[in-house]
Amino acid sequence: MMHYHNWLGQRYRLILGYTGSTWIVIGLLILSPLLALPFIWAEHPQSPAFAIPGLALIILGALLLWQLPRRQASTLTLAEGSVIVVFTWLTAVFVGALPLMSVAHLNFSQAIFEATSGWTTTGLSVIDVESASRLVLLYRSIMQLAGGAGLAIIMLTALTGPVGMGLSTAEGRGDQLAPHVRQSAAIVLELYSGYVVAGILALRLAGMNWFDAINHAFAALSTGGFSTHAASIGYFDSPAIEGVTIILMLLGTINFLTSYAAVKGRWRVLLRNSEMHVLYFLLALAIPTLLFGVTWELYPTVGKALRVALFEAVSALSTTGFATVSYLPWPSLGWLVIIGLMLIGGGSGSTAGGIKQSRIYVLTKAMLAEIRRPLLPRNTILEVSLWQGEEKRFLSSQHIRTEALFVFLYLTLFSLGAGVLTAYGFSLRDSLFEYASAISTIGLSVGVTSPHAPAGVLWTLSAGMFLGRLEFFAIFTGLAKLWVDGRSFWASTTDPWRK
């Protein structure tokens, strides 16, 4: 018993040490908006609101990192990675809310909601962006940029030692671009950073000023959707800006394995990849449906109707949440299409949320296989496969069951969340739309989210965003491990016969 007690203590020293490194990353991200002060010096009185929590978290993280064991194998299991992810994201939300309470004058529930929306790359907001300071607007965009990359991915690039795949897998990034997990994380960040720089320049050339270009490039590539204007992308009413934003949203929603292969010149992957097939099919179905069933009658020209149909379909499917128009005048068909796209979401291993296109592909193929099975000779073996990146993967029955369980859990929580919103008096249509937006980390809103929303509504939406971003199982696994280890540690401490 004493041996187990000591072993458990060593493992939690490891967990807390790596958690400290993520706290340092979060602290630096909270401080990072202050780099813009030379350009917006009039807002320097707001700097302590970012400096104090940021520096405090860096110091606490350094103390935890300092006690990290140096001379033992430090590979993390999936369960241990899940504990770190839970600690990391809860810290990011609660500490990240402090500047918003101080500078944006939000109450506790509103600040937690806004911080959760930022880190999870959702984009729902209770801030009046037209009156908010530029430091606050930049801070929100930085949260989305970091949340899209993944706090664990950012941390992995700065660590030394055999961390293993437990951390990145727990955050929903199990696909590797290189044999070494840290090298793979570095490639993701290089690719992501290259997209960001190109996106800023493209938006500037399309007509945005530098501040808007930086914020919207951050939000588009992270599929986050925070904007510096209340009308979102519709504020600019520019086909060029909409075109660039569509490209950035698509880059953000494509699996990094596929993106990396395409950047390396292996363009066939864009035609062979299974998720890309789903992406092409859904857009080919949704855009004409929106055009001829919704926008054709609502907007004055064919060009405007086509622009709206194209942009809103990509924004919903990529889980970005930018908008060019209000959905309130839309008929029910338009709401149905957008809700469906939001629930499906983007590619696995990308910055997007939602059920994910890979799961839709896998379950569709599994369903077709079950339909075919009775029609084939006995003993025929049907295998379900999909292409990810440049690799064809054959899926086990256990994998398919896990994917089906995830979808069931996702839709169950979606129904429960929408039910809570209806209990607060919102219509069923509004509730379904808003909670689909929250749990799929999108940010499109029909007015349920507002500064005047009840605290219960904000916390319900915040829970949906948090669970949707970490895909449930990481949170459940992390909390279950904490519970089991806590009980075991307590038993070993209070057992009078422990040796």
Foldseek 3Di string as FASTA:
>chain_A
DVVVLVVLVLLVLLLQLLLLLLLLVLLCLLQVLVVCCVVVVVPVVLNVQSNVLSVVSNVSSVVSNVSNDDPDARADALLSLLLSQVSNVVCQLQSVLRSCCVQQVADRLQSSLLSLLQLLLQAAHAGQLVPGDLSVLVSSLSSLLDSLLPSLLVSLLVDDHQHHQSNCVLLQQNDALDPRNNVRSVVSVVVSVVQLVVQLVQLVVQPDDNSQSNSLSSLLLLLRQHGSHPLFPLVVVGPSNLVSSLVSLQNQQAAVLQVVCVVVVNVCCCVAFLLNVLVVVLLVPQLVCQLVVWQVVPDDDSVVSSSQSNSLLSLLLSLNAGHSDACVVTDPSNLVSSLVSLQAHGDRNGSWFHLHSVLVRQQVQVVVCVVCVVVDDPPDDDWGWGDDNNDIDTDDPVRNVVSVVLSVVLVVLLVVLLVVLVVVPDDSSQSSSLLSSQLRSRHHHNPCRYSPHDSVNSVSSSVSSVCRSSSPPSNVSNVVVCVVSVVVSVCLVPDPPRD
